[in-house]
Amino acid sequence: SGMIEADASRKPPLIRAANHSLPNSVAGAMAGIIREYGFAEAQSVGVSAGHQMLKAATIARKYLEADRLALFMVPDFTTVFIKGQRRSAIRLFLSGREPVG
């Protein structure tokens, strides 16, 4: 099938990246959750946090290569409320697939 079987009955924990997040740690969480659930979702609020999240996804791609998986991601905007304030956030849907070819 080329894809890791996603278990729709179990929802993985949301990975929240912050401006002080360590990209290697976030990447490890991304790769581990993708291995366990077939997909992961990460979210960030703010430019610095978004940068850390994107660096983490880039590192996670390398981690998943060791399992012969290619990382695919789809970005989207979402709205979150922090201390009653409406904020725009970026959410990444990440999945691992066997490379084509």
C-alpha atoms as a PDB file:
ATOM      1  CA  SER A   1       0.000   0.000   0.000  1.00  0.00           C
ATOM      2  CA  GLY A   2       2.993   2.317   0.442  1.00  0.00           C
ATOM      3  CA  MET A   3       1.606   4.028   3.512  1.00  0.00           C
ATOM      4  CA  ILE A   4       1.925   3.267   7.176  1.00  0.00           C
ATOM      5  CA  GLU A   5      -1.485   2.056   8.264  1.00  0.00           C
ATOM      6  CA  ALA A   6      -3.074   4.928  10.165  1.00  0.00           C
ATOM      7  CA  ASP A   7      -5.171   3.855  13.140  1.00  0.00           C
ATOM      8  CA  ALA A   8      -8.234   6.092  12.907  1.00  0.00           C
ATOM      9  CA  SER A   9      -9.516   4.915  16.283  1.00  0.00           C
ATOM     10  CA  ARG A  10      -6.542   6.486  18.060  1.00  0.00           C
ATOM     11  CA  LYS A  11      -5.646  10.146  17.705  1.00  0.00           C
ATOM     12  CA  PRO A  12      -2.000  11.069  18.222  1.00  0.00           C
ATOM     13  CA  PRO A  13      -1.110  13.852  20.647  1.00  0.00           C
ATOM     14  CA  LEU A  14      -0.789  17.311  19.084  1.00  0.00           C
ATOM     15  CA  ILE A  15       2.846  18.431  18.941  1.00  0.00           C
ATOM     16  CA  ARG A  16       3.108  22.075  19.978  1.00  0.00           C
ATOM     17  CA  ALA A  17       6.248  23.899  18.905  1.00  0.00           C
ATOM     18  CA  ALA A  18       7.279  27.068  20.732  1.00  0.00           C
ATOM     19  CA  ASN A  19       9.999  29.610  20.025  1.00  0.00           C
ATOM     20  CA  HIS A  20      12.182  27.955  22.694  1.00  0.00           C
ATOM     21  CA  SER A  21      11.546  24.396  21.432  1.00  0.00           C
ATOM     22  CA  LEU A  22      14.620  22.353  20.563  1.00  0.00           C
ATOM     23  CA  PRO A  23      14.189  21.250  16.926  1.00  0.00           C
ATOM     24  CA  ASN A  24      15.880  17.859  17.511  1.00  0.00           C
ATOM     25  CA  SER A  25      13.460  17.064  20.350  1.00  0.00           C
ATOM     26  CA  VAL A  26      10.412  18.123  18.344  1.00  0.00           C
ATOM     27  CA  ALA A  27      11.732  16.119  15.371  1.00  0.00           C
ATOM     28  CA  GLY A  28      12.080  13.026  17.568  1.00  0.00           C
ATOM     29  CA  ALA A  29       8.475  13.436  18.698  1.00  0.00           C
ATOM     30  CA  MET A  30       7.301  13.874  15.098  1.00  0.00           C
ATOM     31  CA  ALA A  31       9.133  10.772  13.871  1.00  0.00           C
ATOM     32  CA  GLY A  32       8.078   8.663  16.865  1.00  0.00           C
ATOM     33  CA  ILE A  33       4.411   9.613  16.551  1.00  0.00           C
ATOM     34  CA  ILE A  34       4.463   8.973  12.785  1.00  0.00           C
ATOM     35  CA  ARG A  35       5.984   5.528  13.415  1.00  0.00           C
ATOM     36  CA  GLU A  36       3.323   4.721  16.037  1.00  0.00           C
ATOM     37  CA  TYR A  37       0.189   6.275  14.514  1.00  0.00           C
ATOM     38  CA  GLY A  38       1.018   6.626  10.819  1.00  0.00           C
ATOM     39  CA  PHE A  39       0.661  10.417  10.982  1.00  0.00           C
ATOM     40  CA  ALA A  40       1.276  13.363  13.290  1.00  0.00           C
ATOM     41  CA  GLU A  41       0.021  16.917  13.681  1.00  0.00           C
ATOM     42  CA  ALA A  42       2.161  19.830  14.834  1.00  0.00           C
ATOM     43  CA  GLN A  43       1.120  23.380  15.626  1.00  0.00           C
ATOM     44  CA  SER A  44       2.887  26.674  16.215  1.00  0.00           C
ATOM     45  CA  VAL A  45       1.902  30.251  17.028  1.00  0.00           C
ATOM     46  CA  GLY A  46       4.262  33.043  16.012  1.00  0.00           C
ATOM     47  CA  VAL A  47       7.128  33.396  13.575  1.00  0.00           C
ATOM     48  CA  SER A  48       9.882  31.952  15.801  1.00  0.00           C
ATOM     49  CA  ALA A  49       7.773  28.955  16.796  1.00  0.00           C
ATOM     50  CA  GLY A  50       6.898  28.342  13.137  1.00  0.00           C
ATOM     51  CA  HIS A  51      10.581  28.421  12.256  1.00  0.00           C
ATOM     52  CA  GLN A  52      11.390  25.869  14.981  1.00  0.00           C
ATOM     53  CA  MET A  53       8.531  23.638  13.795  1.00  0.00           C
ATOM     54  CA  LEU A  54       9.747  23.728  10.187  1.00  0.00           C
ATOM     55  CA  LYS A  55      13.341  22.989  11.237  1.00  0.00           C
ATOM     56  CA  ALA A  56      12.018  20.066  13.299  1.00  0.00           C
ATOM     57  CA  ALA A  57      10.063  18.674  10.328  1.00  0.00           C
ATOM     58  CA  THR A  58      13.213  18.890   8.199  1.00  0.00           C
ATOM     59  CA  ILE A  59      15.186  16.951  10.829  1.00  0.00           C
ATOM     60  CA  ALA A  60      12.317  14.420  11.226  1.00  0.00           C
ATOM     61  CA  ARG A  61      12.576  13.723   7.494  1.00  0.00           C
ATOM     62  CA  LYS A  62      16.141  12.525   8.082  1.00  0.00           C
ATOM     63  CA  TYR A  63      15.073  10.391  11.070  1.00  0.00           C
ATOM     64  CA  LEU A  64      12.368   8.704   8.976  1.00  0.00           C
ATOM     65  CA  GLU A  65      14.772   8.019   6.101  1.00  0.00           C
ATOM     66  CA  ALA A  66      16.411   5.456   8.397  1.00  0.00           C
ATOM     67  CA  ASP A  67      13.066   3.572   8.291  1.00  0.00           C
ATOM     68  CA  ARG A  68      12.893   3.975   4.501  1.00  0.00           C
ATOM     69  CA  LEU A  69      10.020   6.431   4.851  1.00  0.00           C
ATOM     70  CA  ALA A  70       9.555   9.717   3.013  1.00  0.00           C
ATOM     71  CA  LEU A  71       7.987  12.571   4.954  1.00  0.00           C
ATOM     72  CA  PHE A  72       4.979  14.324   3.469  1.00  0.00           C
ATOM     73  CA  MET A  73       3.401  17.361   5.056  1.00  0.00           C
ATOM     74  CA  VAL A  74       0.438  19.605   4.420  1.00  0.00           C
ATOM     75  CA  PRO A  75       0.376  23.042   6.078  1.00  0.00           C
ATOM     76  CA  ASP A  76      -2.819  24.811   7.108  1.00  0.00           C
ATOM     77  CA  PHE A  77      -3.913  27.809   9.138  1.00  0.00           C
ATOM     78  CA  THR A  78      -6.028  27.427  12.244  1.00  0.00           C
ATOM     79  CA  THR A  79      -7.288  29.731  14.977  1.00  0.00           C
ATOM     80  CA  VAL A  80      -6.438  29.193  18.631  1.00  0.00           C
ATOM     81  CA  PHE A  81      -7.306  31.122  21.763  1.00  0.00           C
ATOM     82  CA  ILE A  82      -4.475  31.920  24.184  1.00  0.00           C
ATOM     83  CA  LYS A  83      -5.494  33.652  27.418  1.00  0.00           C
ATOM     84  CA  GLY A  84      -8.724  34.693  25.725  1.00  0.00           C
ATOM     85  CA  GLN A  85      -6.880  36.226  22.761  1.00  0.00           C
ATOM     86  CA  ARG A  86      -7.650  34.953  19.266  1.00  0.00           C
ATOM     87  CA  ARG A  87      -4.404  33.970  17.513  1.00  0.00           C
ATOM     88  CA  SER A  88      -3.568  32.565  14.113  1.00  0.00           C
ATOM     89  CA  ALA A  89      -1.572  29.347  14.184  1.00  0.00           C
ATOM     90  CA  ILE A  90       0.046  27.140  11.580  1.00  0.00           C
ATOM     91  CA  ARG A  91      -0.719  23.440  11.734  1.00  0.00           C
ATOM     92  CA  LEU A  92       1.250  20.774   9.877  1.00  0.00           C
ATOM     93  CA  PHE A  93      -0.220  17.397   9.004  1.00  0.00           C
ATOM     94  CA  LEU A  94       2.722  14.983   8.654  1.00  0.00           C
ATOM     95  CA  SER A  95       2.748  11.437   7.331  1.00  0.00           C
ATOM     96  CA  GLY A  96       5.368   8.883   6.418  1.00  0.00           C
ATOM     97  CA  ARG A  97       5.185   6.907   3.187  1.00  0.00           C
ATOM     98  CA  GLU A  98       7.412   4.457   1.424  1.00  0.00           C
ATOM     99  CA  PRO A  99       9.232   6.380  -1.302  1.00  0.00           C
ATOM    100  CA  VAL A 100       7.931   5.929  -4.835  1.00  0.00           C
ATOM    101  CA  GLY A 101      10.374   4.379  -7.272  1.00  0.00           C
END
